[in-house]
Amino acid sequence: MTAAASPLDRALVEEAAKKSSLVWVRGEGTDPARALWHVWHEGAVLLVGDGPGEQPLPGLAAGGAAEVTVRSKDKGVRLVTFRAGIEELTARSPGWEAAVGELRGKRLNAADAERMPERWARECRVLRLVPAYETGTLPAPDSSLAAPPPPSPASTRVTRPAPLPKLVLGRRRKKR
């Protein structure tokens, strides 16, 4: 962390990441950002992936950097965007064991919950994204960062279906 980081910036990132179970991460040279489940632990975002049945982590390499966007859990809106350094934890190291302990508790729908740490050690990567707290990265930019929809041959039907007025307005009943 740099000296430019204010306590407010640190608190904003920590609270937003703790409360959200999903972050949008864009690694160097990748576009667009990907939604990834995570856990906040000891000042960093923890991710597991790149193995069978786990989330892909494209563009996230040890020693690199990533842009992390944290969303609100209840409204889904962007709360904060920050740059982070990427560390890959060595399997079965003390830091890896602590990270896997946290990640294991939050992993949903795992078919092999009992053998999950062994599978992660063999086949997956556990990454730690440490916020850089660079000057000018907090708060999030004013623009929406929304991407235009990709081109598609699909179209919206122009004419409305014939029975629609009857369904919407209902039929008037005749009085007897």
Protein backbone atom coordinates (compact mmCIF):
# COMPACT_ATOMS: atom_id res chain seq x y z
CA MET A 1 0.00 0.00 0.00
CA THR A 2 1.17 3.47 -0.73
CA ALA A 3 1.19 6.37 1.64
CA ALA A 4 -1.47 8.06 -0.54
CA ALA A 5 -4.14 5.63 0.62
CA SER A 6 -6.56 7.28 2.97
CA PRO A 7 -8.25 5.32 5.76
CA LEU A 8 -11.57 6.06 4.03
CA ASP A 9 -10.35 4.44 0.78
CA ARG A 10 -9.20 1.35 2.64
CA ALA A 11 -12.44 1.09 4.59
CA LEU A 12 -14.54 1.52 1.44
CA VAL A 13 -12.71 -1.25 -0.40
CA GLU A 14 -12.75 -3.61 2.57
CA GLU A 15 -16.42 -3.17 3.47
CA ALA A 16 -17.58 -3.37 -0.15
CA ALA A 17 -15.55 -6.54 -0.80
CA LYS A 18 -16.63 -8.19 2.47
CA LYS A 19 -20.32 -7.67 1.78
CA SER A 20 -20.30 -8.62 -1.89
CA SER A 21 -19.88 -12.20 -3.00
CA LEU A 22 -19.16 -11.24 -6.61
CA VAL A 23 -16.49 -9.01 -8.14
CA TRP A 24 -15.82 -8.05 -11.75
CA VAL A 25 -12.15 -8.58 -12.61
CA ARG A 26 -10.29 -7.55 -15.75
CA GLY A 27 -6.73 -8.78 -16.05
CA GLU A 28 -4.05 -7.18 -18.17
CA GLY A 29 -4.86 -7.53 -21.84
CA THR A 30 -8.31 -9.07 -21.30
CA ASP A 31 -11.62 -7.52 -22.15
CA PRO A 32 -14.35 -7.53 -20.94
CA ALA A 33 -14.22 -7.96 -17.18
CA ARG A 34 -15.43 -11.30 -15.79
CA ALA A 35 -17.73 -11.85 -12.84
CA LEU A 36 -15.97 -14.02 -10.24
CA TRP A 37 -16.99 -15.23 -6.79
CA HIS A 38 -14.49 -14.36 -4.11
CA VAL A 39 -13.75 -14.04 -0.41
CA TRP A 40 -12.17 -11.05 1.34
CA HIS A 41 -9.47 -12.21 3.75
CA GLU A 42 -6.58 -10.38 5.42
CA GLY A 43 -6.73 -7.30 3.19
CA ALA A 44 -7.09 -9.01 -0.17
CA VAL A 45 -9.59 -10.58 -2.55
CA LEU A 46 -9.13 -14.37 -2.74
CA LEU A 47 -10.05 -16.30 -5.91
CA VAL A 48 -9.85 -19.96 -6.86
CA GLY A 49 -10.17 -21.23 -10.42
CA ASP A 50 -8.66 -22.55 -13.65
CA GLY A 51 -9.51 -26.13 -12.78
CA PRO A 52 -12.26 -28.57 -13.71
CA GLY A 53 -15.59 -27.34 -12.40
CA GLU A 54 -14.15 -24.02 -11.23
CA GLN A 55 -14.33 -20.51 -12.61
CA PRO A 56 -11.85 -19.51 -15.34
CA LEU A 57 -9.28 -16.85 -14.46
CA PRO A 58 -8.13 -15.51 -17.86
CA GLY A 59 -5.49 -12.81 -17.91
CA LEU A 60 -4.70 -13.14 -14.21
CA ALA A 61 -1.04 -14.02 -13.86
CA ALA A 62 1.18 -13.90 -10.80
CA GLY A 63 3.08 -10.62 -10.62
CA GLY A 64 0.56 -8.89 -12.89
CA ALA A 65 -2.17 -6.41 -12.16
CA ALA A 66 -5.93 -6.40 -12.44
CA GLU A 67 -8.80 -3.95 -12.27
CA VAL A 68 -11.39 -5.03 -9.69
CA THR A 69 -14.93 -3.65 -9.55
CA VAL A 70 -17.02 -4.42 -6.48
CA ARG A 71 -20.79 -4.35 -6.75
CA SER A 72 -23.50 -3.87 -4.18
CA LYS A 73 -25.02 -7.14 -3.04
CA ASP A 74 -28.57 -5.80 -2.78
CA LYS A 75 -28.81 -3.40 -5.75
CA GLY A 76 -26.07 -4.80 -8.00
CA VAL A 77 -24.61 -1.35 -8.72
CA ARG A 78 -20.90 -0.59 -8.81
CA LEU A 79 -19.56 0.61 -5.46
CA VAL A 80 -15.84 0.94 -6.09
CA THR A 81 -13.19 0.12 -8.69
CA PHE A 82 -9.53 -0.36 -7.77
CA ARG A 83 -6.26 -1.71 -9.19
CA ALA A 84 -4.79 -4.77 -7.53
CA GLY A 85 -1.55 -6.69 -7.65
CA ILE A 86 -1.86 -10.44 -8.27
CA GLU A 87 -0.14 -13.04 -6.09
CA GLU A 88 -0.44 -16.78 -6.73
CA LEU A 89 -0.32 -18.78 -3.52
CA THR A 90 1.84 -21.91 -3.46
CA ALA A 91 -0.17 -25.06 -2.77
CA ARG A 92 -0.06 -26.27 0.83
CA SER A 93 1.87 -23.24 2.10
CA PRO A 94 0.58 -21.61 5.31
CA GLY A 95 -0.92 -18.71 3.33
CA TRP A 96 -2.56 -21.14 0.91
CA GLU A 97 -4.04 -23.18 3.76
CA ALA A 98 -5.55 -20.05 5.35
CA ALA A 99 -6.94 -18.89 2.00
CA VAL A 100 -8.43 -22.30 1.16
CA GLY A 101 -10.01 -22.45 4.61
CA GLU A 102 -11.87 -19.22 3.86
CA LEU A 103 -12.71 -20.12 0.26
CA ARG A 104 -13.96 -23.58 1.17
CA GLY A 105 -16.60 -22.16 3.50
CA LYS A 106 -18.00 -19.93 0.73
CA ARG A 107 -17.87 -22.41 -2.17
CA LEU A 108 -21.42 -23.30 -3.14
CA ASN A 109 -22.64 -26.46 -4.87
CA ALA A 110 -19.39 -28.37 -4.73
CA ALA A 111 -19.89 -32.04 -5.57
CA ASP A 112 -16.74 -33.08 -3.70
CA ALA A 113 -16.81 -30.80 -0.66
CA GLU A 114 -14.73 -33.16 1.48
CA ARG A 115 -11.94 -33.57 -1.12
CA MET A 116 -12.09 -30.02 -2.47
CA PRO A 117 -8.81 -28.73 -0.90
CA GLU A 118 -6.85 -31.67 -2.35
CA ARG A 119 -8.38 -31.08 -5.79
CA TRP A 120 -7.59 -27.36 -5.58
CA ALA A 121 -3.97 -28.17 -4.67
CA ARG A 122 -3.61 -30.50 -7.67
CA GLU A 123 -5.63 -28.81 -10.38
CA CYS A 124 -6.46 -25.18 -9.53
CA ARG A 125 -4.86 -21.85 -8.83
CA VAL A 126 -5.54 -19.79 -5.71
CA LEU A 127 -4.95 -16.09 -6.30
CA ARG A 128 -4.70 -13.18 -3.92
CA LEU A 129 -5.57 -9.75 -5.35
CA VAL A 130 -4.06 -7.07 -3.11
CA PRO A 131 -5.46 -3.53 -3.58
CA ALA A 132 -2.84 -1.05 -4.75
CA TYR A 133 -4.66 2.07 -3.43
CA GLU A 134 -3.06 4.26 -6.09
CA THR A 135 -3.88 7.94 -6.14
CA GLY A 136 -6.94 8.65 -8.27
CA THR A 137 -8.41 5.15 -8.35
CA LEU A 138 -11.01 5.69 -5.63
CA PRO A 139 -13.90 6.38 -5.83
CA ALA A 140 -15.17 4.72 -8.98
CA PRO A 141 -15.27 6.74 -12.22
CA ASP A 142 -18.39 8.77 -13.02
CA SER A 143 -19.14 6.96 -16.29
CA SER A 144 -21.26 3.82 -16.22
CA LEU A 145 -18.65 1.65 -17.97
CA ALA A 146 -21.56 -0.13 -19.66
CA ALA A 147 -20.57 -1.86 -22.87
CA PRO A 148 -22.84 -1.71 -25.90
CA PRO A 149 -24.62 -4.99 -26.61
CA PRO A 150 -22.85 -7.26 -29.09
CA PRO A 151 -24.25 -7.37 -32.63
CA SER A 152 -26.91 -10.01 -33.10
CA PRO A 153 -29.23 -11.16 -35.88
CA ALA A 154 -32.09 -11.23 -33.37
CA SER A 155 -34.69 -8.50 -33.68
CA THR A 156 -37.75 -7.22 -31.89
CA ARG A 157 -41.08 -7.99 -33.44
CA VAL A 158 -42.62 -4.82 -34.86
CA THR A 159 -46.27 -5.82 -35.10
CA ARG A 160 -48.17 -6.85 -32.03
CA PRO A 161 -49.93 -10.20 -31.90
CA ALA A 162 -53.66 -10.16 -32.78
CA PRO A 163 -54.98 -11.51 -29.45
CA LEU A 164 -53.00 -8.99 -27.37
CA PRO A 165 -55.74 -6.31 -27.09
CA LYS A 166 -58.24 -8.94 -25.93
CA LEU A 167 -55.83 -10.25 -23.33
CA VAL A 168 -54.89 -6.83 -22.02
CA LEU A 169 -58.27 -5.13 -22.13
CA GLY A 170 -60.38 -8.22 -21.50
CA ARG A 171 -63.68 -9.02 -23.10
CA ARG A 172 -66.78 -7.14 -22.09
CA ARG A 173 -69.49 -9.34 -20.78
CA LYS A 174 -73.00 -8.92 -22.04
CA LYS A 175 -75.64 -8.33 -19.42
CA ARG A 176 -78.52 -10.79 -19.44
